[in-house]
Amino acid sequence: MLPGIARAQAYPARPVTVIVPFAAGGGTDVLARILAERMRGSLGQAVIVENVAGAAGSLGVGRAVRAPADGYTLIIGTVTTHVLIGALYQLAFDLVNDFEPITLLAIEPLLFVGKKAMPANNLMELIAWLRANPDKLRRGLPEPVRTDI
């Protein structure tokens, strides 16, 4: 008797889903769709872009973390979805241990924007003004997100 021959399954054997944790039409969605088209050509398989928007991206991240770890569901993340939501919300998953980064796709500059009447003209002046005027500082903290949805 000869032992059975073990062969690795060809990947991908079915469509791959890329989750975009934001609404369609934004920068992350556009980037995902451009990449999906390129991936489709090189993988020889459909690549589906699935927009799962809401709660600063945590709904889409939650959908990705619940998917089987089989390489058929990927997520395109941002600093908001994979860093900031961990500081803002109580999550039912671990952003550090439940995901494995694959590659850096793009760098997105972040801006502080204020009214022209604001006495600060740069970041150092803003920090100095905030320290000198703590009673004028306003900020909003979101309510905790339901992660059982």
C-alpha atoms as a PDB file:
ATOM      1  CA  MET A   1       0.000   0.000   0.000  1.00  0.00           C
ATOM      2  CA  LEU A   2       1.165   3.486  -0.787  1.00  0.00           C
ATOM      3  CA  PRO A   3       0.361   6.291   1.591  1.00  0.00           C
ATOM      4  CA  GLY A   4      -2.075   8.885   0.319  1.00  0.00           C
ATOM      5  CA  ILE A   5      -0.466  11.840  -1.339  1.00  0.00           C
ATOM      6  CA  ALA A   6      -1.027  15.076   0.536  1.00  0.00           C
ATOM      7  CA  ARG A   7      -1.236  18.177  -1.592  1.00  0.00           C
ATOM      8  CA  ALA A   8      -1.747  21.747  -0.605  1.00  0.00           C
ATOM      9  CA  GLN A   9      -4.997  23.237  -1.786  1.00  0.00           C
ATOM     10  CA  ALA A  10      -4.569  25.883  -4.467  1.00  0.00           C
ATOM     11  CA  TYR A  11      -5.126  29.386  -3.132  1.00  0.00           C
ATOM     12  CA  PRO A  12      -7.446  31.012  -3.728  1.00  0.00           C
ATOM     13  CA  ALA A  13     -10.035  28.388  -4.526  1.00  0.00           C
ATOM     14  CA  ARG A  14     -12.910  30.849  -4.061  1.00  0.00           C
ATOM     15  CA  PRO A  15     -13.455  34.631  -3.959  1.00  0.00           C
ATOM     16  CA  VAL A  16     -11.515  36.743  -1.474  1.00  0.00           C
ATOM     17  CA  THR A  17     -13.322  39.463   0.489  1.00  0.00           C
ATOM     18  CA  VAL A  18     -11.662  42.749   1.445  1.00  0.00           C
ATOM     19  CA  ILE A  19     -13.559  44.555   4.191  1.00  0.00           C
ATOM     20  CA  VAL A  20     -13.517  48.342   4.105  1.00  0.00           C
ATOM     21  CA  PRO A  21     -14.663  49.568   7.530  1.00  0.00           C
ATOM     22  CA  PHE A  22     -16.064  52.797   6.075  1.00  0.00           C
ATOM     23  CA  ALA A  23     -18.818  53.836   3.669  1.00  0.00           C
ATOM     24  CA  ALA A  24     -18.321  53.480  -0.069  1.00  0.00           C
ATOM     25  CA  GLY A  25     -16.729  56.392  -1.908  1.00  0.00           C
ATOM     26  CA  GLY A  26     -14.108  57.488   0.627  1.00  0.00           C
ATOM     27  CA  GLY A  27     -10.356  57.281   0.211  1.00  0.00           C
ATOM     28  CA  THR A  28     -10.019  53.884   1.914  1.00  0.00           C
ATOM     29  CA  ASP A  29     -12.778  52.446  -0.275  1.00  0.00           C
ATOM     30  CA  VAL A  30     -11.212  53.786  -3.471  1.00  0.00           C
ATOM     31  CA  LEU A  31      -7.820  52.354  -2.530  1.00  0.00           C
ATOM     32  CA  ALA A  32      -9.392  48.980  -1.708  1.00  0.00           C
ATOM     33  CA  ARG A  33     -11.184  48.850  -5.066  1.00  0.00           C
ATOM     34  CA  ILE A  34      -8.010  49.669  -7.007  1.00  0.00           C
ATOM     35  CA  LEU A  35      -6.135  46.956  -5.101  1.00  0.00           C
ATOM     36  CA  ALA A  36      -8.981  44.460  -5.502  1.00  0.00           C
ATOM     37  CA  GLU A  37      -8.880  44.838  -9.269  1.00  0.00           C
ATOM     38  CA  ARG A  38      -5.112  44.250  -9.325  1.00  0.00           C
ATOM     39  CA  MET A  39      -5.445  41.294  -6.932  1.00  0.00           C
ATOM     40  CA  ARG A  40      -8.164  39.767  -9.103  1.00  0.00           C
ATOM     41  CA  GLY A  41      -5.824  39.758 -12.066  1.00  0.00           C
ATOM     42  CA  SER A  42      -2.896  38.196 -10.226  1.00  0.00           C
ATOM     43  CA  LEU A  43      -4.936  35.725  -8.144  1.00  0.00           C
ATOM     44  CA  GLY A  44      -7.247  34.663 -10.954  1.00  0.00           C
ATOM     45  CA  GLN A  45     -10.191  34.874  -8.556  1.00  0.00           C
ATOM     46  CA  ALA A  46     -12.857  37.449  -7.727  1.00  0.00           C
ATOM     47  CA  VAL A  47     -11.952  39.928  -4.980  1.00  0.00           C
ATOM     48  CA  ILE A  48     -15.051  41.401  -3.357  1.00  0.00           C
ATOM     49  CA  VAL A  49     -14.937  44.752  -1.587  1.00  0.00           C
ATOM     50  CA  GLU A  50     -17.404  44.772   1.319  1.00  0.00           C
ATOM     51  CA  ASN A  51     -18.141  48.094   2.992  1.00  0.00           C
ATOM     52  CA  VAL A  52     -19.065  47.646   6.670  1.00  0.00           C
ATOM     53  CA  ALA A  53     -19.381  51.187   7.995  1.00  0.00           C
ATOM     54  CA  GLY A  54     -20.202  52.464  11.446  1.00  0.00           C
ATOM     55  CA  ALA A  55     -18.817  53.295  14.880  1.00  0.00           C
ATOM     56  CA  ALA A  56     -15.548  54.768  13.569  1.00  0.00           C
ATOM     57  CA  GLY A  57     -14.792  51.544  11.704  1.00  0.00           C
ATOM     58  CA  SER A  58     -15.215  49.195  14.671  1.00  0.00           C
ATOM     59  CA  LEU A  59     -18.188  47.397  13.065  1.00  0.00           C
ATOM     60  CA  GLY A  60     -16.089  46.450  10.041  1.00  0.00           C
ATOM     61  CA  VAL A  61     -13.147  45.451  12.231  1.00  0.00           C
ATOM     62  CA  GLY A  62     -15.490  43.300  14.310  1.00  0.00           C
ATOM     63  CA  ARG A  63     -16.770  41.612  11.142  1.00  0.00           C
ATOM     64  CA  ALA A  64     -13.192  40.866  10.087  1.00  0.00           C
ATOM     65  CA  VAL A  65     -12.146  39.464  13.471  1.00  0.00           C
ATOM     66  CA  ARG A  66     -15.135  37.076  13.467  1.00  0.00           C
ATOM     67  CA  ALA A  67     -14.297  35.730   9.990  1.00  0.00           C
ATOM     68  CA  PRO A  68     -12.413  32.431   9.737  1.00  0.00           C
ATOM     69  CA  ALA A  69      -8.628  32.877   9.688  1.00  0.00           C
ATOM     70  CA  ASP A  70      -8.319  31.188   6.306  1.00  0.00           C
ATOM     71  CA  GLY A  71      -6.971  34.004   4.139  1.00  0.00           C
ATOM     72  CA  TYR A  72     -10.285  34.605   2.381  1.00  0.00           C
ATOM     73  CA  THR A  73     -11.266  37.664   4.423  1.00  0.00           C
ATOM     74  CA  LEU A  74      -8.915  40.631   4.642  1.00  0.00           C
ATOM     75  CA  ILE A  75      -9.454  44.113   6.019  1.00  0.00           C
ATOM     76  CA  ILE A  76      -7.965  47.381   4.875  1.00  0.00           C
ATOM     77  CA  GLY A  77      -7.303  49.375   8.011  1.00  0.00           C
ATOM     78  CA  THR A  78      -6.370  52.875   9.000  1.00  0.00           C
ATOM     79  CA  VAL A  79      -4.942  54.440  12.129  1.00  0.00           C
ATOM     80  CA  THR A  80      -8.542  55.002  13.198  1.00  0.00           C
ATOM     81  CA  THR A  81      -9.640  51.386  12.780  1.00  0.00           C
ATOM     82  CA  HIS A  82      -6.574  49.669  14.143  1.00  0.00           C
ATOM     83  CA  VAL A  83      -5.293  52.102  16.790  1.00  0.00           C
ATOM     84  CA  LEU A  84      -7.718  54.840  17.803  1.00  0.00           C
ATOM     85  CA  ILE A  85     -10.859  52.746  18.281  1.00  0.00           C
ATOM     86  CA  GLY A  86      -8.954  50.735  20.879  1.00  0.00           C
ATOM     87  CA  ALA A  87      -8.553  53.926  22.895  1.00  0.00           C
ATOM     88  CA  LEU A  88     -12.093  55.173  22.300  1.00  0.00           C
ATOM     89  CA  TYR A  89     -14.225  52.074  22.688  1.00  0.00           C
ATOM     90  CA  GLN A  90     -14.461  48.956  24.805  1.00  0.00           C
ATOM     91  CA  LEU A  91     -13.977  46.273  22.162  1.00  0.00           C
ATOM     92  CA  ALA A  92     -14.780  42.577  22.200  1.00  0.00           C
ATOM     93  CA  PHE A  93     -11.522  41.881  20.360  1.00  0.00           C
ATOM     94  CA  ASP A  94      -7.836  42.720  20.683  1.00  0.00           C
ATOM     95  CA  LEU A  95      -6.479  44.965  17.940  1.00  0.00           C
ATOM     96  CA  VAL A  96      -2.899  43.897  18.639  1.00  0.00           C
ATOM     97  CA  ASN A  97      -3.306  40.134  18.978  1.00  0.00           C
ATOM     98  CA  ASP A  98      -6.290  39.365  16.733  1.00  0.00           C
ATOM     99  CA  PHE A  99      -4.763  40.740  13.522  1.00  0.00           C
ATOM    100  CA  GLU A 100      -1.563  40.218  11.582  1.00  0.00           C
ATOM    101  CA  PRO A 101      -0.371  43.145   9.438  1.00  0.00           C
ATOM    102  CA  ILE A 102       0.414  42.271   5.847  1.00  0.00           C
ATOM    103  CA  THR A 103       1.744  45.488   4.334  1.00  0.00           C
ATOM    104  CA  LEU A 104       1.662  49.273   4.564  1.00  0.00           C
ATOM    105  CA  LEU A 105      -0.390  50.518   1.624  1.00  0.00           C
ATOM    106  CA  ALA A 106      -0.433  54.276   1.998  1.00  0.00           C
ATOM    107  CA  ILE A 107       0.354  57.088   4.386  1.00  0.00           C
ATOM    108  CA  GLU A 108      -2.389  59.537   5.222  1.00  0.00           C
ATOM    109  CA  PRO A 109      -1.498  62.923   6.670  1.00  0.00           C
ATOM    110  CA  LEU A 110      -3.646  64.078   9.569  1.00  0.00           C
ATOM    111  CA  LEU A 111      -4.426  67.723  10.127  1.00  0.00           C
ATOM    112  CA  PHE A 112      -5.492  69.999  12.954  1.00  0.00           C
ATOM    113  CA  VAL A 113      -7.837  72.603  11.575  1.00  0.00           C
ATOM    114  CA  GLY A 114      -9.237  75.595  13.415  1.00  0.00           C
ATOM    115  CA  LYS A 115     -11.017  78.861  12.812  1.00  0.00           C
ATOM    116  CA  LYS A 116      -8.956  81.818  11.665  1.00  0.00           C
ATOM    117  CA  ALA A 117      -9.899  83.575  14.896  1.00  0.00           C
ATOM    118  CA  MET A 118      -7.991  80.932  16.895  1.00  0.00           C
ATOM    119  CA  PRO A 119      -4.916  82.598  18.426  1.00  0.00           C
ATOM    120  CA  ALA A 120      -2.657  79.634  17.563  1.00  0.00           C
ATOM    121  CA  ASN A 121      -1.013  79.422  14.125  1.00  0.00           C
ATOM    122  CA  ASN A 122       0.903  76.162  14.551  1.00  0.00           C
ATOM    123  CA  LEU A 123       0.975  73.102  16.810  1.00  0.00           C
ATOM    124  CA  MET A 124       3.378  74.553  19.378  1.00  0.00           C
ATOM    125  CA  GLU A 125       1.236  77.679  19.738  1.00  0.00           C
ATOM    126  CA  LEU A 126      -1.889  75.503  20.049  1.00  0.00           C
ATOM    127  CA  ILE A 127      -0.359  73.449  22.855  1.00  0.00           C
ATOM    128  CA  ALA A 128       0.735  76.631  24.656  1.00  0.00           C
ATOM    129  CA  TRP A 129      -2.740  78.152  24.256  1.00  0.00           C
ATOM    130  CA  LEU A 130      -4.444  74.961  25.530  1.00  0.00           C
ATOM    131  CA  ARG A 131      -2.180  74.914  28.597  1.00  0.00           C
ATOM    132  CA  ALA A 132      -2.874  78.575  29.305  1.00  0.00           C
ATOM    133  CA  ASN A 133      -6.642  78.201  28.749  1.00  0.00           C
ATOM    134  CA  PRO A 134      -7.740  74.807  30.097  1.00  0.00           C
ATOM    135  CA  ASP A 135     -11.218  76.201  30.868  1.00  0.00           C
ATOM    136  CA  LYS A 136     -11.777  76.937  27.165  1.00  0.00           C
ATOM    137  CA  LEU A 137     -10.980  73.417  26.008  1.00  0.00           C
ATOM    138  CA  ARG A 138     -13.934  71.434  24.727  1.00  0.00           C
ATOM    139  CA  ARG A 139     -13.907  67.839  23.680  1.00  0.00           C
ATOM    140  CA  GLY A 140     -16.446  65.123  23.135  1.00  0.00           C
ATOM    141  CA  LEU A 141     -16.092  61.508  24.074  1.00  0.00           C
ATOM    142  CA  PRO A 142     -18.279  58.978  22.270  1.00  0.00           C
ATOM    143  CA  GLU A 143     -20.456  56.506  24.080  1.00  0.00           C
ATOM    144  CA  PRO A 144     -19.108  52.931  24.204  1.00  0.00           C
ATOM    145  CA  VAL A 145     -19.877  50.956  21.070  1.00  0.00           C
ATOM    146  CA  ARG A 146     -21.980  47.824  21.206  1.00  0.00           C
ATOM    147  CA  THR A 147     -19.762  45.035  19.943  1.00  0.00           C
ATOM    148  CA  ASP A 148     -22.377  42.302  20.170  1.00  0.00           C
ATOM    149  CA  ILE A 149     -24.162  43.443  16.991  1.00  0.00           C
END
